[in-house]
Amino acid sequence: MIELYQKEYYYEFRESFNLNRFNIDYEKYSENWISRSAQIIFLNKTCFNGLFRFNSKGAFNSPRGKYKNTKILDEQNLLNVSKLLEIATIKKTDFKEVKMIFQTKVH
């Protein structure tokens, strides 16, 4: 029974996440980013193998993972990742460009 509820909840949550993607202005910071980040963490921790995948329409479509005791909030890990993101450069680009940049830096 719990398994069925968890499965239904995951897919309802994923659908809500996908519908709400149109309500976020990614060019201008707002407090909506905070709840969106929490949703991303939840999906990442509960989807299949942490596979964060989107379909051609831009909807998150990873299936639910089957975990017994999912640790959704790992505070120390979240703080460590936050520190790394402060110095990271994030680019939205084609995989071929990323591959080219990586090959240039390695050689």
Foldseek 3Di string as FASTA:
>chain_A
DVVVVVQVVLVVLQVVLQVCVVVDDPVDDDPVVVVNVLSLLVCLQFFDVSDFDADPVGGTDTHGHDDDDTDSDDPVVVVVVVVVVVPDDDDDDDPVVVVVVVVVVVD
